[in-house]
Amino acid sequence: QVELVDSGGGLVQAGGSLRLSCAASGRTLSNYAMGWFRQAPGKERECVAAIGWRGGDIYYGDSVKGRFTISRDNAKNTVYLQMNSLKPEDTAVYYCAAKITSYAGTYYYRADLYDYWGQGTQVTVSS
């Protein structure tokens, strides 16, 4: 069992930055692919970034490419999402997710493939 705790959300003006953290407890994240998802009111949950177990295999959603950076520190059991140049359309609840995998170089961008989810952290970007 893995417990994920998301943090770092808040209110920021357009153009600003936030850094989200996802801290895991219960088991090491070394065998888990990780993802960051977001869900805005009335919209489906979408993957903004995903990272493989090794850290070098990364996916970004088209809407965040060049602005968001996902990273992980397996020694600290933590995954990060650095969000720069934030836009009002980035406003959503952000969730981290973990999927156990034997494939070190694989990331996953489908929400239904993930095994564990954080509680979510609200990000609000004002114009």
N, C-alpha and C. Protein backbone atom coordinates (compact mmCIF):
# COMPACT_ATOMS: atom_id res chain seq x y z
N GLN A 1 0.85 -1.18 0.00
CA GLN A 1 0.00 0.00 0.00
C GLN A 1 0.89 1.25 0.00
N VAL A 2 0.57 2.19 -0.86
CA VAL A 2 1.29 3.45 -0.95
C VAL A 2 0.33 4.58 -0.63
N GLU A 3 0.75 5.47 0.23
CA GLU A 3 -0.04 6.68 0.50
C GLU A 3 0.68 7.87 -0.12
N LEU A 4 -0.06 8.67 -0.86
CA LEU A 4 0.50 9.83 -1.54
C LEU A 4 -0.12 11.10 -0.96
N VAL A 5 0.69 12.07 -0.66
CA VAL A 5 0.22 13.35 -0.14
C VAL A 5 0.69 14.46 -1.07
N ASP A 6 -0.28 15.12 -1.71
CA ASP A 6 0.02 16.24 -2.60
C ASP A 6 0.07 17.53 -1.81
N SER A 7 0.97 18.41 -2.20
CA SER A 7 1.03 19.72 -1.56
C SER A 7 1.64 20.74 -2.52
N GLY A 8 1.53 22.01 -2.14
CA GLY A 8 2.17 23.06 -2.92
C GLY A 8 1.23 23.90 -3.75
N GLY A 9 -0.04 23.55 -3.78
CA GLY A 9 -0.98 24.35 -4.55
C GLY A 9 -1.25 25.69 -3.89
N GLY A 10 -1.98 26.53 -4.59
CA GLY A 10 -2.31 27.84 -4.04
C GLY A 10 -2.84 28.76 -5.11
N LEU A 11 -2.92 30.04 -4.75
CA LEU A 11 -3.39 31.08 -5.65
C LEU A 11 -2.19 31.85 -6.17
N VAL A 12 -2.13 32.01 -7.48
CA VAL A 12 -1.01 32.71 -8.10
C VAL A 12 -1.52 33.52 -9.28
N GLN A 13 -0.85 34.60 -9.57
CA GLN A 13 -1.24 35.39 -10.73
C GLN A 13 -0.72 34.77 -12.01
N ALA A 14 -1.38 35.08 -13.10
CA ALA A 14 -0.92 34.59 -14.40
C ALA A 14 0.53 35.00 -14.62
N GLY A 15 1.31 34.05 -15.15
CA GLY A 15 2.73 34.28 -15.35
C GLY A 15 3.59 33.83 -14.19
N GLY A 16 2.97 33.51 -13.08
CA GLY A 16 3.70 33.09 -11.91
C GLY A 16 4.06 31.62 -11.93
N SER A 17 4.64 31.16 -10.82
CA SER A 17 5.11 29.78 -10.72
C SER A 17 4.65 29.15 -9.42
N LEU A 18 4.52 27.84 -9.47
CA LEU A 18 4.27 27.04 -8.28
C LEU A 18 5.04 25.74 -8.42
N ARG A 19 5.38 25.15 -7.29
CA ARG A 19 6.02 23.84 -7.30
C ARG A 19 5.18 22.89 -6.44
N LEU A 20 4.65 21.88 -7.09
CA LEU A 20 3.88 20.88 -6.38
C LEU A 20 4.80 19.73 -5.95
N SER A 21 4.48 19.16 -4.81
CA SER A 21 5.21 18.01 -4.31
C SER A 21 4.25 16.87 -4.04
N CYS A 22 4.74 15.67 -4.21
CA CYS A 22 3.96 14.46 -3.91
C CYS A 22 4.86 13.56 -3.08
N ALA A 23 4.55 13.46 -1.81
CA ALA A 23 5.35 12.65 -0.90
C ALA A 23 4.67 11.31 -0.68
N ALA A 24 5.45 10.27 -0.79
CA ALA A 24 4.91 8.92 -0.65
C ALA A 24 5.36 8.29 0.66
N SER A 25 4.50 7.51 1.24
CA SER A 25 4.85 6.74 2.43
C SER A 25 4.30 5.33 2.27
N GLY A 26 4.86 4.43 3.03
CA GLY A 26 4.39 3.06 2.98
C GLY A 26 5.31 2.15 2.20
N ARG A 27 5.73 2.61 1.05
CA ARG A 27 6.66 1.83 0.25
C ARG A 27 7.55 2.78 -0.54
N THR A 28 8.69 2.31 -0.95
CA THR A 28 9.55 3.11 -1.79
C THR A 28 8.93 3.29 -3.17
N LEU A 29 9.18 4.45 -3.78
CA LEU A 29 8.65 4.73 -5.12
C LEU A 29 9.55 4.23 -6.22
N SER A 30 10.60 3.54 -5.88
CA SER A 30 11.58 3.15 -6.89
C SER A 30 11.00 2.26 -7.97
N ASN A 31 9.97 1.51 -7.68
CA ASN A 31 9.36 0.62 -8.67
C ASN A 31 8.04 1.16 -9.20
N TYR A 32 7.84 2.45 -9.08
CA TYR A 32 6.58 3.04 -9.48
C TYR A 32 6.80 4.11 -10.55
N ALA A 33 6.03 4.02 -11.62
CA ALA A 33 5.92 5.14 -12.53
C ALA A 33 4.98 6.15 -11.87
N MET A 34 5.22 7.43 -12.11
CA MET A 34 4.44 8.47 -11.45
C MET A 34 3.83 9.41 -12.48
N GLY A 35 2.72 10.00 -12.10
CA GLY A 35 2.09 10.96 -12.99
C GLY A 35 1.46 12.09 -12.20
N TRP A 36 1.33 13.22 -12.86
CA TRP A 36 0.55 14.35 -12.35
C TRP A 36 -0.65 14.55 -13.26
N PHE A 37 -1.81 14.60 -12.68
CA PHE A 37 -3.06 14.81 -13.41
C PHE A 37 -3.74 16.06 -12.86
N ARG A 38 -4.64 16.59 -13.64
CA ARG A 38 -5.44 17.71 -13.16
C ARG A 38 -6.87 17.56 -13.63
N GLN A 39 -7.76 18.14 -12.86
CA GLN A 39 -9.17 18.11 -13.22
C GLN A 39 -9.81 19.44 -12.86
N ALA A 40 -10.33 20.09 -13.87
CA ALA A 40 -11.05 21.35 -13.69
C ALA A 40 -12.54 21.06 -13.64
N PRO A 41 -13.33 21.93 -13.03
CA PRO A 41 -14.77 21.69 -12.94
C PRO A 41 -15.40 21.45 -14.31
N GLY A 42 -16.16 20.38 -14.41
CA GLY A 42 -16.85 20.07 -15.65
C GLY A 42 -15.99 19.45 -16.72
N LYS A 43 -14.73 19.18 -16.40
CA LYS A 43 -13.82 18.60 -17.40
C LYS A 43 -13.30 17.24 -16.93
N GLU A 44 -12.83 16.47 -17.86
CA GLU A 44 -12.25 15.17 -17.53
C GLU A 44 -10.85 15.34 -16.93
N ARG A 45 -10.47 14.36 -16.16
CA ARG A 45 -9.12 14.37 -15.60
C ARG A 45 -8.12 14.14 -16.74
N GLU A 46 -7.08 14.97 -16.78
CA GLU A 46 -6.09 14.85 -17.84
C GLU A 46 -4.70 14.73 -17.24
N CYS A 47 -3.85 14.03 -17.96
CA CYS A 47 -2.47 13.88 -17.54
C CYS A 47 -1.67 15.08 -18.03
N VAL A 48 -1.02 15.76 -17.10
CA VAL A 48 -0.17 16.88 -17.51
C VAL A 48 1.29 16.45 -17.64
N ALA A 49 1.69 15.45 -16.86
CA ALA A 49 3.06 14.96 -16.94
C ALA A 49 3.16 13.58 -16.32
N ALA A 50 4.08 12.79 -16.85
CA ALA A 50 4.31 11.45 -16.31
C ALA A 50 5.79 11.13 -16.43
N ILE A 51 6.25 10.29 -15.52
CA ILE A 51 7.68 9.99 -15.48
C ILE A 51 7.89 8.53 -15.14
N GLY A 52 8.83 7.92 -15.85
CA GLY A 52 9.13 6.53 -15.58
C GLY A 52 9.91 6.35 -14.30
N TRP A 53 10.06 5.13 -13.96
CA TRP A 53 10.72 4.73 -12.73
C TRP A 53 12.13 5.30 -12.64
N ARG A 54 12.87 5.27 -13.76
CA ARG A 54 14.26 5.72 -13.75
C ARG A 54 14.37 7.24 -13.73
N GLY A 55 13.33 7.92 -14.19
CA GLY A 55 13.35 9.37 -14.20
C GLY A 55 13.69 9.99 -15.53
N GLY A 56 14.25 9.23 -16.45
CA GLY A 56 14.66 9.82 -17.72
C GLY A 56 13.62 9.76 -18.81
N ASP A 57 12.54 9.05 -18.58
CA ASP A 57 11.48 8.90 -19.57
C ASP A 57 10.29 9.71 -19.11
N ILE A 58 9.97 10.71 -19.89
CA ILE A 58 9.01 11.72 -19.45
C ILE A 58 8.00 12.03 -20.53
N TYR A 59 6.78 12.26 -20.11
CA TYR A 59 5.68 12.68 -20.99
C TYR A 59 5.12 14.00 -20.47
N TYR A 60 4.78 14.89 -21.40
CA TYR A 60 4.07 16.12 -21.07
C TYR A 60 2.86 16.26 -21.96
N GLY A 61 1.78 16.71 -21.38
CA GLY A 61 0.62 17.05 -22.19
C GLY A 61 0.92 18.26 -23.05
N ASP A 62 0.27 18.35 -24.18
CA ASP A 62 0.56 19.43 -25.12
C ASP A 62 0.36 20.81 -24.50
N SER A 63 -0.61 20.93 -23.62
CA SER A 63 -0.94 22.23 -23.07
C SER A 63 0.09 22.75 -22.07
N VAL A 64 0.99 21.90 -21.62
CA VAL A 64 1.95 22.32 -20.61
C VAL A 64 3.40 22.20 -21.07
N LYS A 65 3.61 21.70 -22.26
CA LYS A 65 4.99 21.53 -22.76
C LYS A 65 5.72 22.86 -22.76
N GLY A 66 6.94 22.82 -22.25
CA GLY A 66 7.75 24.02 -22.21
C GLY A 66 7.51 24.88 -20.98
N ARG A 67 6.47 24.57 -20.21
CA ARG A 67 6.15 25.36 -19.02
C ARG A 67 6.26 24.54 -17.73
N PHE A 68 5.91 23.27 -17.79
CA PHE A 68 5.93 22.41 -16.60
C PHE A 68 7.10 21.44 -16.70
N THR A 69 7.63 21.07 -15.53
CA THR A 69 8.71 20.10 -15.46
C THR A 69 8.42 19.11 -14.34
N ILE A 70 8.41 17.85 -14.69
CA ILE A 70 8.23 16.80 -13.69
C ILE A 70 9.60 16.23 -13.33
N SER A 71 9.78 15.91 -12.06
CA SER A 71 11.03 15.30 -11.63
C SER A 71 10.73 14.41 -10.43
N ARG A 72 11.68 13.58 -10.09
CA ARG A 72 11.47 12.69 -8.96
C ARG A 72 12.78 12.50 -8.21
N ASP A 73 12.66 12.28 -6.93
CA ASP A 73 13.80 11.97 -6.08
C ASP A 73 13.44 10.69 -5.34
N ASN A 74 13.88 9.55 -5.86
CA ASN A 74 13.48 8.27 -5.28
C ASN A 74 14.03 8.11 -3.86
N ALA A 75 15.17 8.72 -3.58
CA ALA A 75 15.74 8.63 -2.23
C ALA A 75 14.84 9.32 -1.21
N LYS A 76 14.13 10.35 -1.65
CA LYS A 76 13.22 11.08 -0.76
C LYS A 76 11.78 10.64 -0.93
N ASN A 77 11.56 9.67 -1.84
CA ASN A 77 10.19 9.20 -2.08
C ASN A 77 9.25 10.35 -2.45
N THR A 78 9.75 11.24 -3.29
CA THR A 78 8.99 12.44 -3.62
C THR A 78 9.05 12.71 -5.12
N VAL A 79 7.94 13.18 -5.65
CA VAL A 79 7.85 13.60 -7.03
C VAL A 79 7.42 15.06 -7.05
N TYR A 80 7.95 15.80 -8.01
CA TYR A 80 7.69 17.24 -8.08
C TYR A 80 7.08 17.61 -9.42
N LEU A 81 6.35 18.70 -9.42
CA LEU A 81 5.89 19.31 -10.65
C LEU A 81 6.15 20.81 -10.55
N GLN A 82 7.15 21.26 -11.28
CA GLN A 82 7.46 22.69 -11.33
C GLN A 82 6.61 23.31 -12.43
N MET A 83 5.82 24.30 -12.08
CA MET A 83 4.90 24.92 -13.03
C MET A 83 5.28 26.38 -13.19
N ASN A 84 5.68 26.75 -14.38
CA ASN A 84 6.07 28.12 -14.69
C ASN A 84 5.11 28.72 -15.72
N SER A 85 5.15 30.02 -15.83
CA SER A 85 4.32 30.73 -16.82
C SER A 85 2.87 30.27 -16.73
N LEU A 86 2.36 30.24 -15.54
CA LEU A 86 1.01 29.73 -15.34
C LEU A 86 -0.04 30.60 -15.99
N LYS A 87 -1.09 29.94 -16.47
CA LYS A 87 -2.18 30.60 -17.16
C LYS A 87 -3.48 30.33 -16.40
N PRO A 88 -4.48 31.19 -16.57
CA PRO A 88 -5.76 30.93 -15.91
C PRO A 88 -6.34 29.55 -16.26
N GLU A 89 -6.09 29.06 -17.46
CA GLU A 89 -6.61 27.75 -17.85
C GLU A 89 -5.89 26.59 -17.18
N ASP A 90 -4.85 26.88 -16.42
CA ASP A 90 -4.20 25.84 -15.62
C ASP A 90 -4.92 25.61 -14.29
N THR A 91 -5.90 26.44 -14.00
CA THR A 91 -6.65 26.31 -12.76
C THR A 91 -7.35 24.95 -12.71
N ALA A 92 -7.09 24.20 -11.64
CA ALA A 92 -7.65 22.86 -11.50
C ALA A 92 -7.19 22.28 -10.16
N VAL A 93 -7.75 21.15 -9.83
CA VAL A 93 -7.19 20.34 -8.74
C VAL A 93 -6.17 19.41 -9.36
N TYR A 94 -4.98 19.41 -8.78
CA TYR A 94 -3.89 18.59 -9.29
C TYR A 94 -3.68 17.38 -8.38
N TYR A 95 -3.53 16.23 -9.02
CA TYR A 95 -3.36 14.98 -8.30
C TYR A 95 -2.09 14.28 -8.76
N CYS A 96 -1.36 13.71 -7.84
CA CYS A 96 -0.30 12.81 -8.25
C CYS A 96 -0.82 11.38 -8.16
N ALA A 97 -0.18 10.51 -8.92
CA ALA A 97 -0.61 9.13 -8.99
C ALA A 97 0.61 8.22 -9.16
N ALA A 98 0.48 6.99 -8.69
CA ALA A 98 1.58 6.03 -8.75
C ALA A 98 1.10 4.72 -9.35
N LYS A 99 1.95 4.15 -10.19
CA LYS A 99 1.63 2.85 -10.79
C LYS A 99 2.84 1.95 -10.64
N ILE A 100 2.64 0.80 -9.99
CA ILE A 100 3.75 -0.14 -9.86
C ILE A 100 4.03 -0.74 -11.23
N THR A 101 5.31 -0.88 -11.54
CA THR A 101 5.66 -1.40 -12.85
C THR A 101 7.02 -2.07 -12.80
N SER A 102 7.18 -3.05 -13.66
CA SER A 102 8.46 -3.73 -13.78
C SER A 102 9.32 -3.09 -14.88
N TYR A 103 8.72 -2.16 -15.61
CA TYR A 103 9.39 -1.55 -16.75
C TYR A 103 9.96 -0.19 -16.34
N ALA A 104 11.27 -0.14 -16.16
CA ALA A 104 11.90 1.06 -15.61
C ALA A 104 11.75 2.26 -16.51
N GLY A 105 11.68 2.05 -17.82
CA GLY A 105 11.68 3.17 -18.74
C GLY A 105 10.32 3.55 -19.27
N THR A 106 9.25 3.14 -18.61
CA THR A 106 7.91 3.37 -19.14
C THR A 106 7.16 4.37 -18.29
N TYR A 107 6.49 5.32 -18.97
CA TYR A 107 5.58 6.22 -18.29
C TYR A 107 4.17 5.89 -18.77
N TYR A 108 3.18 6.38 -18.04
CA TYR A 108 1.78 6.09 -18.34
C TYR A 108 0.98 7.38 -18.26
N TYR A 109 0.17 7.65 -19.27
CA TYR A 109 -0.62 8.89 -19.25
C TYR A 109 -2.12 8.63 -19.16
N ARG A 110 -2.51 7.38 -19.03
CA ARG A 110 -3.92 7.06 -18.83
C ARG A 110 -4.21 6.93 -17.34
N ALA A 111 -5.19 7.66 -16.89
CA ALA A 111 -5.51 7.68 -15.47
C ALA A 111 -5.95 6.31 -14.97
N ASP A 112 -6.63 5.54 -15.81
CA ASP A 112 -7.17 4.26 -15.35
C ASP A 112 -6.08 3.22 -15.11
N LEU A 113 -4.85 3.50 -15.51
CA LEU A 113 -3.77 2.55 -15.31
C LEU A 113 -3.09 2.70 -13.94
N TYR A 114 -3.39 3.79 -13.25
CA TYR A 114 -2.68 4.07 -12.00
C TYR A 114 -3.33 3.36 -10.81
N ASP A 115 -2.47 3.01 -9.85
CA ASP A 115 -2.90 2.21 -8.70
C ASP A 115 -3.23 3.06 -7.48
N TYR A 116 -2.52 4.14 -7.30
CA TYR A 116 -2.68 4.96 -6.09
C TYR A 116 -2.76 6.44 -6.48
N TRP A 117 -3.52 7.18 -5.68
CA TRP A 117 -3.75 8.60 -5.95
C TRP A 117 -3.58 9.42 -4.68
N GLY A 118 -3.05 10.64 -4.87
CA GLY A 118 -3.04 11.60 -3.79
C GLY A 118 -4.40 12.23 -3.62
N GLN A 119 -4.53 13.06 -2.59
CA GLN A 119 -5.82 13.66 -2.27
C GLN A 119 -6.12 14.89 -3.13
N GLY A 120 -5.11 15.40 -3.82
CA GLY A 120 -5.30 16.56 -4.67
C GLY A 120 -4.93 17.85 -3.98
N THR A 121 -4.45 18.80 -4.77
CA THR A 121 -4.14 20.13 -4.27
C THR A 121 -4.65 21.16 -5.29
N GLN A 122 -5.32 22.18 -4.79
CA GLN A 122 -5.95 23.17 -5.66
C GLN A 122 -4.93 24.17 -6.16
N VAL A 123 -4.94 24.39 -7.47
CA VAL A 123 -4.14 25.45 -8.09
C VAL A 123 -5.10 26.42 -8.76
N THR A 124 -5.01 27.68 -8.38
CA THR A 124 -5.85 28.71 -8.96
C THR A 124 -4.96 29.81 -9.52
N VAL A 125 -5.15 30.09 -10.81
CA VAL A 125 -4.36 31.11 -11.48
C VAL A 125 -5.29 32.25 -11.85
N SER A 126 -5.01 33.42 -11.32
CA SER A 126 -5.86 34.58 -11.59
C SER A 126 -5.30 35.37 -12.78
N SER A 127 -6.20 36.00 -13.51
CA SER A 127 -5.77 36.77 -14.69
C SER A 127 -5.46 38.20 -14.34
